[in-house]
Amino acid sequence: MDRRLRWCGCRSVFPANTYLRLTDESSARKLIKAGYKFLNWAKPDTIRETAQNYIENGWPLVDMLATRTQDLADCERIRNKIAHNSTEAVQQFSVVQRNLLATERLFDLSPGQLLKNSIEEKESRTSRFLLM
């Protein structure tokens, strides 16, 4: 097994230097999951920490996360609101609404309404830009 991870760029493949010296894919999967059923991709801090533990400087994952940490955190909060509907999930979902709508809401939107409105707003901004 090739011991270097590969990052596919637009035109070429760059090796990512790994700290791991594994002989097969099964061992690598067990190590990365760290005893859990699956690798947690929901929390940006967890992803960053895992990448830094296994790949030199966490590259390329840490660099990619730098610009999308807030988006990933918002996705997790929306998911938790759908899955749990607990007091904490509701409070965290209110944070997402504030982030995306840039205003405090008098009433909460459902996760579906929020996502639909966000997509429609993005499409509206795009069409206004194209019409200029």
Protein backbone atom coordinates (compact mmCIF):
# COMPACT_ATOMS: atom_id res chain seq x y z
CA MET A 1 0.00 0.00 0.00
CA ASP A 2 1.28 3.47 -0.87
CA ARG A 3 2.06 5.15 2.44
CA ARG A 4 1.39 8.64 1.19
CA LEU A 5 -2.05 10.17 1.09
CA ARG A 6 -2.92 11.92 -2.14
CA TRP A 7 -4.63 15.25 -2.66
CA CYS A 8 -6.07 15.77 -6.12
CA GLY A 9 -5.67 19.34 -7.29
CA CYS A 10 -7.07 20.80 -10.48
CA ARG A 11 -4.37 19.45 -12.76
CA SER A 12 -2.06 17.26 -10.73
CA VAL A 13 -1.81 15.04 -7.68
CA PHE A 14 0.24 16.23 -4.70
CA PRO A 15 1.35 13.84 -1.95
CA ALA A 16 0.31 14.64 1.62
CA ASN A 17 2.92 13.43 4.09
CA THR A 18 1.41 11.17 6.71
CA TYR A 19 2.77 10.22 10.12
CA LEU A 20 1.27 6.75 9.76
CA ARG A 21 3.22 3.68 8.72
CA LEU A 22 0.48 1.21 7.98
CA THR A 23 0.59 -1.84 5.76
CA ASP A 24 -3.07 -2.14 4.79
CA GLU A 25 -6.25 -0.11 4.42
CA SER A 26 -8.13 -1.99 7.14
CA SER A 27 -5.58 -0.98 9.79
CA ALA A 28 -5.72 2.64 8.62
CA ARG A 29 -9.53 2.74 8.88
CA LYS A 30 -9.48 1.27 12.41
CA LEU A 31 -6.88 3.78 13.57
CA ILE A 32 -8.63 6.83 12.12
CA LYS A 33 -12.02 5.88 13.60
CA ALA A 34 -10.34 5.68 17.03
CA GLY A 35 -12.74 3.05 18.37
CA TYR A 36 -15.93 4.73 17.16
CA LYS A 37 -18.35 3.28 14.61
CA PHE A 38 -17.43 5.95 12.08
CA LEU A 39 -15.18 8.94 11.58
CA ASN A 40 -16.88 12.13 12.81
CA TRP A 41 -17.06 14.66 9.99
CA ALA A 42 -19.65 16.89 11.70
CA LYS A 43 -17.44 18.99 13.95
CA PRO A 44 -14.81 21.15 12.23
CA ASP A 45 -12.56 21.13 15.33
CA THR A 46 -12.59 17.32 15.39
CA ILE A 47 -11.76 17.14 11.70
CA ARG A 48 -8.91 19.62 12.14
CA GLU A 49 -7.50 17.74 15.13
CA THR A 50 -7.72 14.37 13.36
CA ALA A 51 -6.01 15.77 10.26
CA GLN A 52 -3.20 17.30 12.32
CA ASN A 53 -2.69 14.00 14.18
CA TYR A 54 -2.34 11.91 11.04
CA ILE A 55 -1.15 14.21 8.27
CA GLU A 56 1.83 16.56 8.39
CA ASN A 57 0.49 20.06 9.19
CA GLY A 58 -3.02 18.72 8.56
CA TRP A 59 -2.65 19.55 4.88
CA PRO A 60 -4.84 19.71 2.80
CA LEU A 61 -7.80 19.39 5.19
CA VAL A 62 -6.87 22.13 7.66
CA ASP A 63 -6.42 24.67 4.85
CA MET A 64 -9.79 23.79 3.33
CA LEU A 65 -11.53 23.99 6.71
CA ALA A 66 -10.21 27.47 7.39
CA THR A 67 -12.73 29.05 5.02
CA ARG A 68 -15.69 26.76 5.76
CA THR A 69 -15.63 26.18 9.52
CA GLN A 70 -18.73 28.31 10.16
CA ASP A 71 -20.67 26.62 7.35
CA LEU A 72 -19.86 23.15 8.69
CA ALA A 73 -20.80 24.16 12.24
CA ASP A 74 -24.11 25.55 10.96
CA CYS A 75 -24.78 22.30 9.06
CA GLU A 76 -24.26 20.31 12.25
CA ARG A 77 -26.65 22.59 14.17
CA ILE A 78 -29.33 22.22 11.48
CA ARG A 79 -28.87 18.46 11.56
CA ASN A 80 -29.18 18.39 15.35
CA LYS A 81 -32.39 20.46 15.24
CA ILE A 82 -33.91 17.94 12.81
CA ALA A 83 -32.67 14.89 14.71
CA HIS A 84 -33.15 15.91 18.36
CA ASN A 85 -35.33 18.99 18.84
CA SER A 86 -33.93 19.37 22.36
CA THR A 87 -33.62 22.72 24.15
CA GLU A 88 -29.93 22.90 23.24
CA ALA A 89 -30.63 21.99 19.60
CA VAL A 90 -33.32 24.69 19.39
CA GLN A 91 -30.96 27.31 20.88
CA GLN A 92 -28.14 26.34 18.52
CA PHE A 93 -30.53 26.43 15.56
CA SER A 94 -31.44 30.00 16.52
CA VAL A 95 -27.74 30.83 16.20
CA VAL A 96 -27.78 29.42 12.65
CA GLN A 97 -30.79 31.55 11.75
CA ARG A 98 -29.01 34.63 13.08
CA ASN A 99 -25.87 33.72 11.10
CA LEU A 100 -27.66 33.11 7.81
CA LEU A 101 -30.35 35.79 8.00
CA ALA A 102 -28.25 38.44 9.78
CA THR A 103 -31.17 39.31 12.05
CA GLU A 104 -32.92 38.09 15.18
CA ARG A 105 -36.15 36.23 14.38
CA LEU A 106 -39.43 36.88 16.21
CA PHE A 107 -40.42 33.29 15.40
CA ASP A 108 -38.31 30.33 14.38
CA LEU A 109 -38.33 28.90 10.91
CA SER A 110 -38.22 25.15 10.46
CA PRO A 111 -34.90 23.78 9.17
CA GLY A 112 -36.55 23.15 5.79
CA GLN A 113 -37.87 26.73 5.56
CA LEU A 114 -34.49 28.14 6.51
CA LEU A 115 -32.64 26.08 3.89
CA LYS A 116 -35.23 26.87 1.21
CA ASN A 117 -35.06 30.60 1.97
CA SER A 118 -31.25 30.52 2.00
CA ILE A 119 -31.14 28.85 -1.42
CA GLU A 120 -33.72 31.23 -2.90
CA GLU A 121 -31.80 34.24 -1.55
CA LYS A 122 -28.55 32.95 -3.00
CA GLU A 123 -30.19 32.38 -6.40
CA SER A 124 -31.70 35.87 -6.26
CA ARG A 125 -28.33 37.47 -5.55
CA THR A 126 -26.74 35.47 -8.36
CA SER A 127 -29.40 36.48 -10.90
CA ARG A 128 -29.14 40.16 -9.89
CA PHE A 129 -25.37 39.97 -10.39
CA LEU A 130 -25.75 38.35 -13.81
CA LEU A 131 -28.27 40.99 -14.94
CA MET A 132 -25.86 43.86 -14.22
